[in-house]
Amino acid sequence: MARNIEIKARARHFDQLVERAAALSPEPPLIFRQQDFFYDVPRGRLKLRQFDDGTPAELIFYQRDDRDGPKASYYTRSPVTNPEAMHSLLATALTTRGIVTKERHVYLVGRTRTHLDRVDGLGDFVELEVVLGVDDDEEGGEAEAHDMFARLGVPESDLVAVAYVDLLNDDEGELKVA
């Protein structure tokens, strides 16, 4: 399985984060409108990701702890040629846990993917994925995530421990900020 270090926080000043991320990235952002269909599985999370711009859909399985701060995420991705049929199959075999729709701005800085997300029904977030190679240690990735959040000006008080689908499914409808 591939792995990365992830960290997520509420983006209270989205426009400032866009400016800071753009200043750190050598390339303009990739901007996607995407929809993730999450399914109940015995462990980890399984989602079917579709894009509005014709980018090929993909099925993604991942496992990570729900805790504050940077954490390792182990994942597998597979392209999906017929997302409607795949969703129908998965929705029939499994329970659809939730649907997350968002606009994602992706800035690449070295091995770190900075996602600035506008999530329907939840608001604005910043999420980092520090991609780890086979020989990379997780501690180095965690340090890189902390450093990037500091460079972006994201306070630790805005950290979010769980996935967007968990926030949307929160019984109280309140955002749980770590």
C-alpha atoms as a PDB file:
ATOM      1  CA  MET A   1       0.000   0.000   0.000  1.00  0.00           C
ATOM      2  CA  ALA A   2       1.099   3.535  -0.701  1.00  0.00           C
ATOM      3  CA  ARG A   3       1.297   5.885   2.279  1.00  0.00           C
ATOM      4  CA  ASN A   4       1.376   9.528   3.145  1.00  0.00           C
ATOM      5  CA  ILE A   5       1.140  11.764   6.172  1.00  0.00           C
ATOM      6  CA  GLU A   6      -2.118  13.698   6.406  1.00  0.00           C
ATOM      7  CA  ILE A   7      -3.172  16.675   8.469  1.00  0.00           C
ATOM      8  CA  LYS A   8      -6.384  18.697   8.193  1.00  0.00           C
ATOM      9  CA  ALA A   9      -7.640  21.958   9.663  1.00  0.00           C
ATOM     10  CA  ARG A  10     -10.454  24.428   9.364  1.00  0.00           C
ATOM     11  CA  ALA A  11      -9.515  27.202   6.885  1.00  0.00           C
ATOM     12  CA  ARG A  12     -10.830  30.307   8.625  1.00  0.00           C
ATOM     13  CA  HIS A  13      -9.125  32.680   6.165  1.00  0.00           C
ATOM     14  CA  PHE A  14      -9.423  30.822   2.857  1.00  0.00           C
ATOM     15  CA  ASP A  15      -8.291  33.686   0.597  1.00  0.00           C
ATOM     16  CA  GLN A  16      -5.137  34.229   2.671  1.00  0.00           C
ATOM     17  CA  LEU A  17      -4.372  30.515   2.479  1.00  0.00           C
ATOM     18  CA  VAL A  18      -4.775  30.615  -1.304  1.00  0.00           C
ATOM     19  CA  GLU A  19      -2.238  33.458  -1.487  1.00  0.00           C
ATOM     20  CA  ARG A  20       0.232  31.693   0.832  1.00  0.00           C
ATOM     21  CA  ALA A  21      -0.088  28.340  -0.946  1.00  0.00           C
ATOM     22  CA  ALA A  22       0.372  30.009  -4.334  1.00  0.00           C
ATOM     23  CA  ALA A  23       3.533  31.735  -3.077  1.00  0.00           C
ATOM     24  CA  LEU A  24       4.976  28.391  -1.924  1.00  0.00           C
ATOM     25  CA  SER A  25       4.075  26.399  -5.042  1.00  0.00           C
ATOM     26  CA  PRO A  26       6.145  26.684  -8.236  1.00  0.00           C
ATOM     27  CA  GLU A  27       3.076  25.824 -10.355  1.00  0.00           C
ATOM     28  CA  PRO A  28      -0.484  27.181 -10.526  1.00  0.00           C
ATOM     29  CA  PRO A  29      -3.062  25.086  -8.680  1.00  0.00           C
ATOM     30  CA  LEU A  30      -5.051  22.239 -10.111  1.00  0.00           C
ATOM     31  CA  ILE A  31      -8.722  22.939  -9.421  1.00  0.00           C
ATOM     32  CA  PHE A  32     -11.287  20.142  -9.298  1.00  0.00           C
ATOM     33  CA  ARG A  33     -14.945  19.839  -8.450  1.00  0.00           C
ATOM     34  CA  GLN A  34     -15.293  16.339  -7.059  1.00  0.00           C
ATOM     35  CA  GLN A  35     -17.757  14.074  -5.343  1.00  0.00           C
ATOM     36  CA  ASP A  36     -16.794  11.237  -2.990  1.00  0.00           C
ATOM     37  CA  PHE A  37     -19.276   8.434  -2.297  1.00  0.00           C
ATOM     38  CA  PHE A  38     -18.332   6.685   0.960  1.00  0.00           C
ATOM     39  CA  TYR A  39     -19.403   3.111   1.747  1.00  0.00           C
ATOM     40  CA  ASP A  40     -19.547   1.248   5.057  1.00  0.00           C
ATOM     41  CA  VAL A  41     -16.756  -1.306   5.235  1.00  0.00           C
ATOM     42  CA  PRO A  42     -15.517  -3.409   8.184  1.00  0.00           C
ATOM     43  CA  ARG A  43     -12.256  -1.457   8.484  1.00  0.00           C
ATOM     44  CA  GLY A  44     -10.822   1.697   6.988  1.00  0.00           C
ATOM     45  CA  ARG A  45     -12.729   3.832   4.494  1.00  0.00           C
ATOM     46  CA  LEU A  46     -13.810   3.094   0.938  1.00  0.00           C
ATOM     47  CA  LYS A  47     -14.835   5.843  -1.450  1.00  0.00           C
ATOM     48  CA  LEU A  48     -15.641   6.260  -5.111  1.00  0.00           C
ATOM     49  CA  ARG A  49     -14.314   9.615  -6.333  1.00  0.00           C
ATOM     50  CA  GLN A  50     -15.843  11.292  -9.388  1.00  0.00           C
ATOM     51  CA  PHE A  51     -14.755  14.531 -11.029  1.00  0.00           C
ATOM     52  CA  ASP A  52     -16.925  17.077 -12.836  1.00  0.00           C
ATOM     53  CA  ASP A  53     -14.270  17.825 -15.478  1.00  0.00           C
ATOM     54  CA  GLY A  54     -14.055  14.366 -17.030  1.00  0.00           C
ATOM     55  CA  THR A  55     -10.982  13.264 -15.072  1.00  0.00           C
ATOM     56  CA  PRO A  56     -11.260   9.475 -14.701  1.00  0.00           C
ATOM     57  CA  ALA A  57     -13.026   8.300 -11.548  1.00  0.00           C
ATOM     58  CA  GLU A  58     -11.203   6.181  -8.984  1.00  0.00           C
ATOM     59  CA  LEU A  59     -11.965   3.815  -6.150  1.00  0.00           C
ATOM     60  CA  ILE A  60      -9.901   4.595  -3.049  1.00  0.00           C
ATOM     61  CA  PHE A  61      -9.474   2.497   0.074  1.00  0.00           C
ATOM     62  CA  TYR A  62      -7.560   3.991   2.986  1.00  0.00           C
ATOM     63  CA  GLN A  63      -6.808   3.439   6.634  1.00  0.00           C
ATOM     64  CA  ARG A  64      -5.699   6.053   9.143  1.00  0.00           C
ATOM     65  CA  ASP A  65      -6.255   6.940  12.759  1.00  0.00           C
ATOM     66  CA  ASP A  66      -8.809   9.590  13.677  1.00  0.00           C
ATOM     67  CA  ARG A  67      -6.604  11.744  15.864  1.00  0.00           C
ATOM     68  CA  ASP A  68      -5.321  15.288  16.017  1.00  0.00           C
ATOM     69  CA  GLY A  69      -2.294  16.346  14.021  1.00  0.00           C
ATOM     70  CA  PRO A  70      -0.328  14.556  11.328  1.00  0.00           C
ATOM     71  CA  LYS A  71      -1.042  10.867  10.916  1.00  0.00           C
ATOM     72  CA  ALA A  72      -0.027   8.097   8.552  1.00  0.00           C
ATOM     73  CA  SER A  73      -2.550   7.082   5.929  1.00  0.00           C
ATOM     74  CA  TYR A  74      -2.193   3.844   3.983  1.00  0.00           C
ATOM     75  CA  TYR A  75      -4.115   3.782   0.721  1.00  0.00           C
ATOM     76  CA  THR A  76      -4.801   1.978  -2.523  1.00  0.00           C
ATOM     77  CA  ARG A  77      -6.319   3.610  -5.610  1.00  0.00           C
ATOM     78  CA  SER A  78      -7.799   1.997  -8.691  1.00  0.00           C
ATOM     79  CA  PRO A  79      -9.169   3.672 -11.827  1.00  0.00           C
ATOM     80  CA  VAL A  80     -12.880   3.184 -12.519  1.00  0.00           C
ATOM     81  CA  THR A  81     -14.090   3.255 -16.123  1.00  0.00           C
ATOM     82  CA  ASN A  82     -17.812   3.172 -15.344  1.00  0.00           C
ATOM     83  CA  PRO A  83     -18.410   5.093 -12.095  1.00  0.00           C
ATOM     84  CA  GLU A  84     -22.209   4.944 -12.314  1.00  0.00           C
ATOM     85  CA  ALA A  85     -22.181   1.132 -12.550  1.00  0.00           C
ATOM     86  CA  MET A  86     -19.543   0.914  -9.809  1.00  0.00           C
ATOM     87  CA  HIS A  87     -21.635   3.107  -7.498  1.00  0.00           C
ATOM     88  CA  SER A  88     -24.732   1.020  -8.208  1.00  0.00           C
ATOM     89  CA  LEU A  89     -22.816  -2.173  -7.399  1.00  0.00           C
ATOM     90  CA  LEU A  90     -21.264  -0.789  -4.205  1.00  0.00           C
ATOM     91  CA  ALA A  91     -24.512   0.820  -3.026  1.00  0.00           C
ATOM     92  CA  THR A  92     -26.276  -2.514  -3.502  1.00  0.00           C
ATOM     93  CA  ALA A  93     -23.606  -4.587  -1.740  1.00  0.00           C
ATOM     94  CA  LEU A  94     -22.732  -2.050   0.972  1.00  0.00           C
ATOM     95  CA  THR A  95     -24.432   0.816   2.744  1.00  0.00           C
ATOM     96  CA  THR A  96     -23.686   4.253   1.318  1.00  0.00           C
ATOM     97  CA  ARG A  97     -22.312   6.105   4.331  1.00  0.00           C
ATOM     98  CA  GLY A  98     -22.366   9.570   2.839  1.00  0.00           C
ATOM     99  CA  ILE A  99     -21.524  11.803  -0.097  1.00  0.00           C
ATOM    100  CA  VAL A 100     -18.961  14.597   0.107  1.00  0.00           C
ATOM    101  CA  THR A 101     -18.981  17.251  -2.621  1.00  0.00           C
ATOM    102  CA  LYS A 102     -16.185  19.788  -2.764  1.00  0.00           C
ATOM    103  CA  GLU A 103     -14.132  22.160  -4.822  1.00  0.00           C
ATOM    104  CA  ARG A 104     -10.462  21.322  -4.323  1.00  0.00           C
ATOM    105  CA  HIS A 105      -7.499  23.562  -5.106  1.00  0.00           C
ATOM    106  CA  VAL A 106      -4.302  21.467  -5.188  1.00  0.00           C
ATOM    107  CA  TYR A 107      -0.911  23.142  -4.758  1.00  0.00           C
ATOM    108  CA  LEU A 108       2.187  20.990  -5.110  1.00  0.00           C
ATOM    109  CA  VAL A 109       5.220  21.882  -2.979  1.00  0.00           C
ATOM    110  CA  GLY A 110       7.916  19.232  -3.236  1.00  0.00           C
ATOM    111  CA  ARG A 111       6.374  15.983  -2.035  1.00  0.00           C
ATOM    112  CA  THR A 112       3.531  17.779  -0.240  1.00  0.00           C
ATOM    113  CA  ARG A 113       0.091  18.189  -1.783  1.00  0.00           C
ATOM    114  CA  THR A 114      -1.723  21.152  -0.245  1.00  0.00           C
ATOM    115  CA  HIS A 115      -5.487  20.888  -0.673  1.00  0.00           C
ATOM    116  CA  LEU A 116      -7.629  23.956  -0.105  1.00  0.00           C
ATOM    117  CA  ASP A 117     -11.150  22.569   0.014  1.00  0.00           C
ATOM    118  CA  ARG A 118     -14.551  24.223  -0.088  1.00  0.00           C
ATOM    119  CA  VAL A 119     -16.798  21.428   1.159  1.00  0.00           C
ATOM    120  CA  ASP A 120     -20.540  21.682   0.525  1.00  0.00           C
ATOM    121  CA  GLY A 121     -22.367  21.813   3.847  1.00  0.00           C
ATOM    122  CA  LEU A 122     -19.190  22.157   5.945  1.00  0.00           C
ATOM    123  CA  GLY A 123     -17.178  25.154   4.796  1.00  0.00           C
ATOM    124  CA  ASP A 124     -13.493  25.684   4.090  1.00  0.00           C
ATOM    125  CA  PHE A 125     -10.563  23.444   5.018  1.00  0.00           C
ATOM    126  CA  VAL A 126      -6.876  22.968   4.368  1.00  0.00           C
ATOM    127  CA  GLU A 127      -5.504  19.442   4.135  1.00  0.00           C
ATOM    128  CA  LEU A 128      -1.923  18.353   3.542  1.00  0.00           C
ATOM    129  CA  GLU A 129      -0.696  15.055   2.177  1.00  0.00           C
ATOM    130  CA  VAL A 130       3.048  14.488   2.478  1.00  0.00           C
ATOM    131  CA  VAL A 131       3.725  11.612   0.076  1.00  0.00           C
ATOM    132  CA  LEU A 132       6.151   9.058   1.511  1.00  0.00           C
ATOM    133  CA  GLY A 133       8.450   6.824  -0.497  1.00  0.00           C
ATOM    134  CA  VAL A 134       9.237   3.250   0.474  1.00  0.00           C
ATOM    135  CA  ASP A 135      12.294   4.278   2.503  1.00  0.00           C
ATOM    136  CA  ASP A 136      10.887   7.517   3.965  1.00  0.00           C
ATOM    137  CA  ASP A 137      10.210   7.585   7.691  1.00  0.00           C
ATOM    138  CA  GLU A 138       6.872   8.812   9.009  1.00  0.00           C
ATOM    139  CA  GLU A 139       8.485  11.152  11.550  1.00  0.00           C
ATOM    140  CA  GLY A 140      10.112  13.117   8.728  1.00  0.00           C
ATOM    141  CA  GLY A 141       6.758  13.419   6.977  1.00  0.00           C
ATOM    142  CA  GLU A 142       5.091  14.565  10.190  1.00  0.00           C
ATOM    143  CA  ALA A 143       7.770  17.235  10.695  1.00  0.00           C
ATOM    144  CA  GLU A 144       7.245  18.387   7.101  1.00  0.00           C
ATOM    145  CA  ALA A 145       3.476  18.625   7.654  1.00  0.00           C
ATOM    146  CA  HIS A 146       3.968  20.723  10.803  1.00  0.00           C
ATOM    147  CA  ASP A 147       6.436  22.970   8.962  1.00  0.00           C
ATOM    148  CA  MET A 148       4.059  23.481   6.029  1.00  0.00           C
ATOM    149  CA  PHE A 149       1.148  24.342   8.334  1.00  0.00           C
ATOM    150  CA  ALA A 150       3.416  26.867  10.084  1.00  0.00           C
ATOM    151  CA  ARG A 151       4.410  28.380   6.713  1.00  0.00           C
ATOM    152  CA  LEU A 152       0.734  28.616   5.760  1.00  0.00           C
ATOM    153  CA  GLY A 153      -0.123  30.187   9.121  1.00  0.00           C
ATOM    154  CA  VAL A 154      -2.563  27.459  10.182  1.00  0.00           C
ATOM    155  CA  PRO A 155      -2.975  27.378  13.978  1.00  0.00           C
ATOM    156  CA  GLU A 156      -3.065  24.051  15.812  1.00  0.00           C
ATOM    157  CA  SER A 157      -6.338  25.128  17.411  1.00  0.00           C
ATOM    158  CA  ASP A 158      -8.011  24.667  13.989  1.00  0.00           C
ATOM    159  CA  LEU A 159      -6.963  21.015  13.536  1.00  0.00           C
ATOM    160  CA  VAL A 160      -9.663  18.503  12.555  1.00  0.00           C
ATOM    161  CA  ALA A 161      -9.204  14.830  13.423  1.00  0.00           C
ATOM    162  CA  VAL A 162     -11.754  13.098  11.169  1.00  0.00           C
ATOM    163  CA  ALA A 163     -12.801  12.785   7.523  1.00  0.00           C
ATOM    164  CA  TYR A 164     -15.312  15.143   5.898  1.00  0.00           C
ATOM    165  CA  VAL A 165     -17.888  12.350   5.713  1.00  0.00           C
ATOM    166  CA  ASP A 166     -17.633  11.945   9.498  1.00  0.00           C
ATOM    167  CA  LEU A 167     -18.244  15.661   9.977  1.00  0.00           C
ATOM    168  CA  LEU A 168     -21.270  15.547   7.678  1.00  0.00           C
ATOM    169  CA  ASN A 169     -22.648  12.538   9.538  1.00  0.00           C
ATOM    170  CA  ASP A 170     -22.098  14.055  12.977  1.00  0.00           C
ATOM    171  CA  ASP A 171     -25.437  13.683  14.787  1.00  0.00           C
ATOM    172  CA  GLU A 172     -25.208  17.163  16.259  1.00  0.00           C
ATOM    173  CA  GLY A 173     -24.232  18.731  12.935  1.00  0.00           C
ATOM    174  CA  GLU A 174     -21.393  20.585  14.609  1.00  0.00           C
ATOM    175  CA  LEU A 175     -17.824  20.696  13.394  1.00  0.00           C
ATOM    176  CA  LYS A 176     -15.548  19.029  15.893  1.00  0.00           C
ATOM    177  CA  VAL A 177     -12.293  20.948  15.839  1.00  0.00           C
ATOM    178  CA  ALA A 178      -9.348  19.355  17.603  1.00  0.00           C
END
